[in-house]
Amino acid sequence: MSQEEIQAIINSYYINIAAMNAEAVLANFAEDAMSHDPVGEPPTKVHEGFHEFIGRLQAVFENLQSTIESTFITGNEAAVKWKTQGISKSGKSITFEGITIFEINNHGKIQTTRAYWYPAAMVAQLRG
């Protein structure tokens, strides 16, 4: 795959996560894709329970906006430095950031993600 094709898949992922569009996000993933989000927690099968995850985002956030700060692509893998900002349903502004490693399979689908970030910091902003 070309770097442009991989970048397009990554762009679609972040645009659709921010839009909280489960179907469009899932369209980027292989049927047997695994997510380590965050790394250190048990991995999950992306196609199992993803609608539930998006439902939780929709319940908590009024809006989200993700920005890709840097992307480094080698072969069929990419490391992405990102930042997400949003407004909760209760009007609180939040910002969280991290790095996600994407592995893209030969069919142009995300096979694996490994996200390095601190959910507890985001939760503290929502409670604060």
N, C-alpha and C. Protein backbone atom coordinates (compact mmCIF):
# COMPACT_ATOMS: atom_id res chain seq x y z
N MET A 1 0.85 -1.18 0.00
CA MET A 1 0.00 0.00 0.00
C MET A 1 0.89 1.24 0.00
N SER A 2 0.38 2.27 -0.64
CA SER A 2 1.14 3.52 -0.67
C SER A 2 0.94 4.28 0.64
N GLN A 3 1.85 5.20 0.91
CA GLN A 3 1.70 6.04 2.10
C GLN A 3 0.43 6.87 2.03
N GLU A 4 0.06 7.31 0.82
CA GLU A 4 -1.16 8.10 0.66
C GLU A 4 -2.40 7.28 1.01
N GLU A 5 -2.42 6.00 0.60
CA GLU A 5 -3.56 5.14 0.92
C GLU A 5 -3.67 4.91 2.43
N ILE A 6 -2.53 4.67 3.07
CA ILE A 6 -2.53 4.47 4.51
C ILE A 6 -2.97 5.75 5.23
N GLN A 7 -2.48 6.90 4.78
CA GLN A 7 -2.88 8.16 5.39
C GLN A 7 -4.38 8.39 5.24
N ALA A 8 -4.95 8.01 4.10
CA ALA A 8 -6.40 8.18 3.88
C ALA A 8 -7.21 7.32 4.85
N ILE A 9 -6.75 6.09 5.12
CA ILE A 9 -7.43 5.21 6.07
C ILE A 9 -7.39 5.82 7.47
N ILE A 10 -6.21 6.33 7.85
CA ILE A 10 -6.05 6.94 9.17
C ILE A 10 -6.90 8.19 9.30
N ASN A 11 -6.91 9.02 8.26
CA ASN A 11 -7.75 10.23 8.28
C ASN A 11 -9.21 9.87 8.47
N SER A 12 -9.68 8.85 7.74
CA SER A 12 -11.07 8.42 7.85
C SER A 12 -11.38 7.95 9.27
N TYR A 13 -10.46 7.21 9.85
CA TYR A 13 -10.64 6.73 11.23
C TYR A 13 -10.88 7.89 12.18
N TYR A 14 -9.99 8.89 12.16
CA TYR A 14 -10.12 10.01 13.12
C TYR A 14 -11.32 10.90 12.83
N ILE A 15 -11.61 11.15 11.58
CA ILE A 15 -12.78 11.96 11.22
C ILE A 15 -14.05 11.30 11.73
N ASN A 16 -14.15 9.98 11.54
CA ASN A 16 -15.38 9.29 11.91
C ASN A 16 -15.49 8.98 13.40
N ILE A 17 -14.35 8.84 14.10
CA ILE A 17 -14.42 8.75 15.56
C ILE A 17 -14.97 10.07 16.11
N ALA A 18 -14.44 11.20 15.63
CA ALA A 18 -14.91 12.50 16.10
C ALA A 18 -16.38 12.72 15.78
N ALA A 19 -16.82 12.20 14.63
CA ALA A 19 -18.22 12.32 14.24
C ALA A 19 -19.11 11.31 14.97
N MET A 20 -18.45 10.40 15.73
CA MET A 20 -19.15 9.34 16.45
C MET A 20 -20.01 8.50 15.51
N ASN A 21 -19.44 8.20 14.33
CA ASN A 21 -20.11 7.44 13.28
C ASN A 21 -19.56 6.01 13.29
N ALA A 22 -20.23 5.12 14.02
CA ALA A 22 -19.74 3.75 14.21
C ALA A 22 -19.57 3.00 12.90
N GLU A 23 -20.56 3.08 12.02
CA GLU A 23 -20.49 2.32 10.77
C GLU A 23 -19.30 2.74 9.91
N ALA A 24 -19.05 4.04 9.83
CA ALA A 24 -17.94 4.53 9.02
C ALA A 24 -16.60 4.15 9.64
N VAL A 25 -16.50 4.16 10.97
CA VAL A 25 -15.26 3.73 11.62
C VAL A 25 -15.04 2.25 11.36
N LEU A 26 -16.06 1.44 11.58
CA LEU A 26 -15.93 -0.01 11.39
C LEU A 26 -15.57 -0.38 9.96
N ALA A 27 -15.98 0.41 8.99
CA ALA A 27 -15.66 0.13 7.58
C ALA A 27 -14.15 0.15 7.33
N ASN A 28 -13.40 0.81 8.21
CA ASN A 28 -11.94 0.87 8.07
C ASN A 28 -11.23 -0.37 8.62
N PHE A 29 -11.93 -1.21 9.38
CA PHE A 29 -11.30 -2.33 10.09
C PHE A 29 -11.56 -3.67 9.44
N ALA A 30 -10.55 -4.56 9.51
CA ALA A 30 -10.72 -5.95 9.11
C ALA A 30 -11.73 -6.61 10.05
N GLU A 31 -12.39 -7.64 9.58
CA GLU A 31 -13.40 -8.33 10.39
C GLU A 31 -12.82 -8.88 11.68
N ASP A 32 -11.56 -9.32 11.66
CA ASP A 32 -10.94 -9.90 12.85
C ASP A 32 -9.98 -8.94 13.54
N ALA A 33 -10.14 -7.64 13.31
CA ALA A 33 -9.24 -6.63 13.87
C ALA A 33 -9.28 -6.61 15.39
N MET A 34 -8.11 -6.29 15.96
CA MET A 34 -7.96 -6.18 17.41
C MET A 34 -7.51 -4.78 17.76
N SER A 35 -7.99 -4.29 18.92
CA SER A 35 -7.61 -2.97 19.41
C SER A 35 -7.06 -3.08 20.82
N HIS A 36 -5.91 -2.48 21.02
CA HIS A 36 -5.29 -2.35 22.34
C HIS A 36 -5.44 -0.87 22.71
N ASP A 37 -6.57 -0.52 23.31
CA ASP A 37 -6.88 0.90 23.53
C ASP A 37 -7.49 1.07 24.91
N PRO A 38 -6.67 1.53 25.85
CA PRO A 38 -5.25 1.83 25.76
C PRO A 38 -4.40 0.58 25.94
N VAL A 39 -3.14 0.66 25.50
CA VAL A 39 -2.19 -0.42 25.73
C VAL A 39 -2.12 -0.65 27.23
N GLY A 40 -2.09 -1.90 27.62
CA GLY A 40 -2.08 -2.26 29.04
C GLY A 40 -3.41 -2.83 29.49
N GLU A 41 -4.47 -2.50 28.79
CA GLU A 41 -5.79 -3.08 29.05
C GLU A 41 -5.95 -4.30 28.13
N PRO A 42 -6.84 -5.21 28.47
CA PRO A 42 -7.05 -6.36 27.58
C PRO A 42 -7.48 -5.90 26.19
N PRO A 43 -6.92 -6.52 25.14
CA PRO A 43 -7.32 -6.14 23.79
C PRO A 43 -8.78 -6.52 23.53
N THR A 44 -9.39 -5.79 22.61
CA THR A 44 -10.78 -6.07 22.25
C THR A 44 -10.89 -6.34 20.76
N LYS A 45 -11.89 -7.14 20.40
CA LYS A 45 -12.21 -7.37 18.99
C LYS A 45 -13.04 -6.17 18.55
N VAL A 46 -12.55 -5.45 17.56
CA VAL A 46 -13.15 -4.17 17.17
C VAL A 46 -14.62 -4.32 16.80
N HIS A 47 -14.96 -5.37 16.05
CA HIS A 47 -16.34 -5.50 15.57
C HIS A 47 -17.31 -6.00 16.63
N GLU A 48 -16.82 -6.30 17.84
CA GLU A 48 -17.70 -6.70 18.94
C GLU A 48 -17.81 -5.55 19.93
N GLY A 49 -18.96 -4.97 20.05
CA GLY A 49 -19.18 -3.93 21.05
C GLY A 49 -18.80 -2.52 20.64
N PHE A 50 -18.42 -2.33 19.37
CA PHE A 50 -18.00 -0.98 18.98
C PHE A 50 -19.17 -0.01 18.97
N HIS A 51 -20.35 -0.46 18.58
CA HIS A 51 -21.53 0.42 18.63
C HIS A 51 -21.79 0.88 20.07
N GLU A 52 -21.54 -0.02 21.01
CA GLU A 52 -21.71 0.32 22.43
C GLU A 52 -20.71 1.42 22.84
N PHE A 53 -19.47 1.28 22.37
CA PHE A 53 -18.44 2.29 22.65
C PHE A 53 -18.86 3.66 22.10
N ILE A 54 -19.32 3.69 20.86
CA ILE A 54 -19.76 4.95 20.25
C ILE A 54 -20.96 5.50 21.02
N GLY A 55 -21.84 4.63 21.47
CA GLY A 55 -22.98 5.06 22.28
C GLY A 55 -22.53 5.74 23.57
N ARG A 56 -21.46 5.22 24.19
CA ARG A 56 -20.93 5.86 25.41
C ARG A 56 -20.35 7.24 25.08
N LEU A 57 -19.65 7.34 23.95
CA LEU A 57 -19.14 8.66 23.54
C LEU A 57 -20.29 9.64 23.35
N GLN A 58 -21.33 9.21 22.66
CA GLN A 58 -22.48 10.07 22.40
C GLN A 58 -23.19 10.47 23.68
N ALA A 59 -23.18 9.60 24.68
CA ALA A 59 -23.83 9.92 25.96
C ALA A 59 -23.05 10.95 26.76
N VAL A 60 -21.73 11.00 26.57
CA VAL A 60 -20.86 11.88 27.37
C VAL A 60 -20.53 13.18 26.66
N PHE A 61 -20.34 13.13 25.33
CA PHE A 61 -19.82 14.29 24.61
C PHE A 61 -20.84 14.94 23.69
N GLU A 62 -20.86 16.26 23.74
CA GLU A 62 -21.64 17.06 22.80
C GLU A 62 -20.94 17.05 21.45
N ASN A 63 -19.60 17.23 21.48
CA ASN A 63 -18.82 17.15 20.24
C ASN A 63 -17.38 16.79 20.56
N LEU A 64 -16.71 16.27 19.54
CA LEU A 64 -15.30 15.90 19.61
C LEU A 64 -14.62 16.38 18.34
N GLN A 65 -13.36 16.73 18.43
CA GLN A 65 -12.57 17.11 17.27
C GLN A 65 -11.18 16.54 17.45
N SER A 66 -10.77 15.67 16.54
CA SER A 66 -9.44 15.07 16.60
C SER A 66 -8.53 15.73 15.59
N THR A 67 -7.30 15.97 16.00
CA THR A 67 -6.28 16.55 15.13
C THR A 67 -5.12 15.57 15.06
N ILE A 68 -4.69 15.26 13.85
CA ILE A 68 -3.50 14.45 13.66
C ILE A 68 -2.33 15.42 13.65
N GLU A 69 -1.44 15.28 14.62
CA GLU A 69 -0.31 16.19 14.73
C GLU A 69 0.89 15.71 13.91
N SER A 70 1.11 14.39 13.87
CA SER A 70 2.21 13.81 13.09
C SER A 70 1.85 12.39 12.72
N THR A 71 2.28 11.96 11.55
CA THR A 71 2.11 10.58 11.12
C THR A 71 3.44 10.10 10.55
N PHE A 72 3.86 8.92 11.00
CA PHE A 72 5.08 8.30 10.51
C PHE A 72 4.71 6.93 9.97
N ILE A 73 4.90 6.73 8.67
CA ILE A 73 4.48 5.50 8.01
C ILE A 73 5.72 4.74 7.54
N THR A 74 5.77 3.46 7.88
CA THR A 74 6.81 2.56 7.39
C THR A 74 6.12 1.25 7.02
N GLY A 75 6.28 0.85 5.77
CA GLY A 75 5.59 -0.36 5.31
C GLY A 75 4.10 -0.19 5.47
N ASN A 76 3.46 -1.19 6.09
CA ASN A 76 2.01 -1.13 6.31
C ASN A 76 1.67 -0.73 7.74
N GLU A 77 2.59 -0.04 8.41
CA GLU A 77 2.32 0.43 9.76
C GLU A 77 2.50 1.93 9.84
N ALA A 78 1.78 2.53 10.79
CA ALA A 78 1.88 3.98 10.99
C ALA A 78 1.79 4.28 12.47
N ALA A 79 2.59 5.25 12.90
CA ALA A 79 2.50 5.80 14.25
C ALA A 79 1.92 7.20 14.11
N VAL A 80 0.85 7.46 14.85
CA VAL A 80 0.14 8.73 14.74
C VAL A 80 0.11 9.42 16.10
N LYS A 81 0.61 10.64 16.14
CA LYS A 81 0.49 11.51 17.33
C LYS A 81 -0.78 12.32 17.12
N TRP A 82 -1.72 12.24 18.05
CA TRP A 82 -3.02 12.89 17.90
C TRP A 82 -3.39 13.67 19.16
N LYS A 83 -4.34 14.56 18.95
CA LYS A 83 -4.93 15.31 20.07
C LYS A 83 -6.43 15.39 19.80
N THR A 84 -7.21 15.16 20.85
CA THR A 84 -8.66 15.26 20.75
C THR A 84 -9.15 16.28 21.76
N GLN A 85 -10.02 17.16 21.29
CA GLN A 85 -10.65 18.15 22.14
C GLN A 85 -12.15 17.97 22.01
N GLY A 86 -12.86 18.29 23.07
CA GLY A 86 -14.30 18.15 23.01
C GLY A 86 -14.99 18.93 24.10
N ILE A 87 -16.31 18.89 24.01
CA ILE A 87 -17.18 19.51 25.00
C ILE A 87 -18.13 18.41 25.48
N SER A 88 -18.17 18.24 26.80
CA SER A 88 -19.06 17.23 27.36
C SER A 88 -20.50 17.73 27.33
N LYS A 89 -21.42 16.81 27.56
CA LYS A 89 -22.84 17.17 27.62
C LYS A 89 -23.11 18.16 28.75
N SER A 90 -22.24 18.16 29.77
CA SER A 90 -22.40 19.10 30.89
C SER A 90 -21.65 20.40 30.66
N GLY A 91 -21.06 20.57 29.45
CA GLY A 91 -20.41 21.82 29.09
C GLY A 91 -18.93 21.93 29.45
N LYS A 92 -18.32 20.85 29.90
CA LYS A 92 -16.89 20.89 30.26
C LYS A 92 -16.02 20.68 29.03
N SER A 93 -14.97 21.49 28.91
CA SER A 93 -13.99 21.33 27.84
C SER A 93 -12.97 20.29 28.27
N ILE A 94 -12.63 19.41 27.35
CA ILE A 94 -11.62 18.40 27.64
C ILE A 94 -10.61 18.36 26.50
N THR A 95 -9.40 17.98 26.85
CA THR A 95 -8.35 17.76 25.86
C THR A 95 -7.57 16.53 26.31
N PHE A 96 -7.35 15.61 25.38
CA PHE A 96 -6.51 14.46 25.67
C PHE A 96 -5.74 14.12 24.41
N GLU A 97 -4.58 13.49 24.60
CA GLU A 97 -3.73 13.20 23.45
C GLU A 97 -2.99 11.90 23.66
N GLY A 98 -2.44 11.40 22.56
CA GLY A 98 -1.70 10.15 22.64
C GLY A 98 -1.06 9.81 21.32
N ILE A 99 -0.59 8.59 21.26
CA ILE A 99 0.02 8.04 20.06
C ILE A 99 -0.66 6.71 19.79
N THR A 100 -1.07 6.49 18.56
CA THR A 100 -1.67 5.21 18.17
C THR A 100 -0.84 4.61 17.05
N ILE A 101 -0.56 3.33 17.18
CA ILE A 101 0.14 2.56 16.15
C ILE A 101 -0.92 1.78 15.38
N PHE A 102 -0.93 1.94 14.08
CA PHE A 102 -1.87 1.23 13.21
C PHE A 102 -1.11 0.20 12.38
N GLU A 103 -1.65 -1.00 12.28
CA GLU A 103 -1.16 -2.00 11.34
C GLU A 103 -2.26 -2.20 10.30
N ILE A 104 -1.91 -1.98 9.04
CA ILE A 104 -2.87 -2.09 7.95
C ILE A 104 -2.60 -3.41 7.22
N ASN A 105 -3.64 -4.19 6.95
CA ASN A 105 -3.43 -5.46 6.25
C ASN A 105 -3.33 -5.24 4.73
N ASN A 106 -3.10 -6.31 4.00
CA ASN A 106 -2.93 -6.21 2.54
C ASN A 106 -4.22 -5.92 1.79
N HIS A 107 -5.34 -5.88 2.50
CA HIS A 107 -6.63 -5.57 1.88
C HIS A 107 -7.04 -4.12 2.15
N GLY A 108 -6.13 -3.34 2.74
CA GLY A 108 -6.42 -1.94 3.00
C GLY A 108 -7.31 -1.69 4.21
N LYS A 109 -7.29 -2.62 5.16
CA LYS A 109 -8.10 -2.49 6.37
C LYS A 109 -7.18 -2.45 7.59
N ILE A 110 -7.62 -1.75 8.62
CA ILE A 110 -6.86 -1.73 9.87
C ILE A 110 -6.98 -3.10 10.52
N GLN A 111 -5.82 -3.71 10.80
CA GLN A 111 -5.79 -5.03 11.42
C GLN A 111 -5.63 -4.92 12.93
N THR A 112 -4.78 -3.98 13.35
CA THR A 112 -4.49 -3.83 14.77
C THR A 112 -4.25 -2.36 15.10
N THR A 113 -4.73 -1.93 16.25
CA THR A 113 -4.36 -0.61 16.79
C THR A 113 -3.78 -0.82 18.17
N ARG A 114 -2.80 0.02 18.49
CA ARG A 114 -2.20 0.07 19.82
C ARG A 114 -2.17 1.54 20.22
N ALA A 115 -3.03 1.91 21.16
CA ALA A 115 -3.16 3.32 21.54
C ALA A 115 -2.49 3.56 22.89
N TYR A 116 -1.60 4.53 22.90
CA TYR A 116 -0.88 4.93 24.10
C TYR A 116 -1.42 6.28 24.55
N TRP A 117 -2.23 6.28 25.63
CA TRP A 117 -2.79 7.50 26.18
C TRP A 117 -3.32 7.18 27.57
N TYR A 118 -3.76 8.21 28.29
CA TYR A 118 -4.17 8.05 29.68
C TYR A 118 -5.64 8.40 29.86
N PRO A 119 -6.53 7.42 29.76
CA PRO A 119 -7.97 7.71 29.95
C PRO A 119 -8.28 8.37 31.29
N ALA A 120 -7.54 8.05 32.32
CA ALA A 120 -7.82 8.64 33.65
C ALA A 120 -7.69 10.15 33.63
N ALA A 121 -6.78 10.67 32.82
CA ALA A 121 -6.62 12.13 32.72
C ALA A 121 -7.87 12.76 32.08
N MET A 122 -8.44 12.08 31.08
CA MET A 122 -9.66 12.58 30.44
C MET A 122 -10.82 12.54 31.43
N VAL A 123 -10.95 11.43 32.16
CA VAL A 123 -12.04 11.29 33.12
C VAL A 123 -11.93 12.36 34.21
N ALA A 124 -10.72 12.66 34.65
CA ALA A 124 -10.53 13.70 35.66
C ALA A 124 -11.01 15.06 35.15
N GLN A 125 -10.80 15.34 33.87
CA GLN A 125 -11.29 16.60 33.31
C GLN A 125 -12.81 16.64 33.28
N LEU A 126 -13.43 15.50 33.01
CA LEU A 126 -14.89 15.45 32.97
C LEU A 126 -15.48 15.64 34.36
N ARG A 127 -14.78 15.14 35.37
CA ARG A 127 -15.28 15.26 36.75
C ARG A 127 -14.93 16.59 37.39
N GLY A 128 -13.81 17.20 36.91
CA GLY A 128 -13.29 18.42 37.55
C GLY A 128 -14.07 19.61 37.41
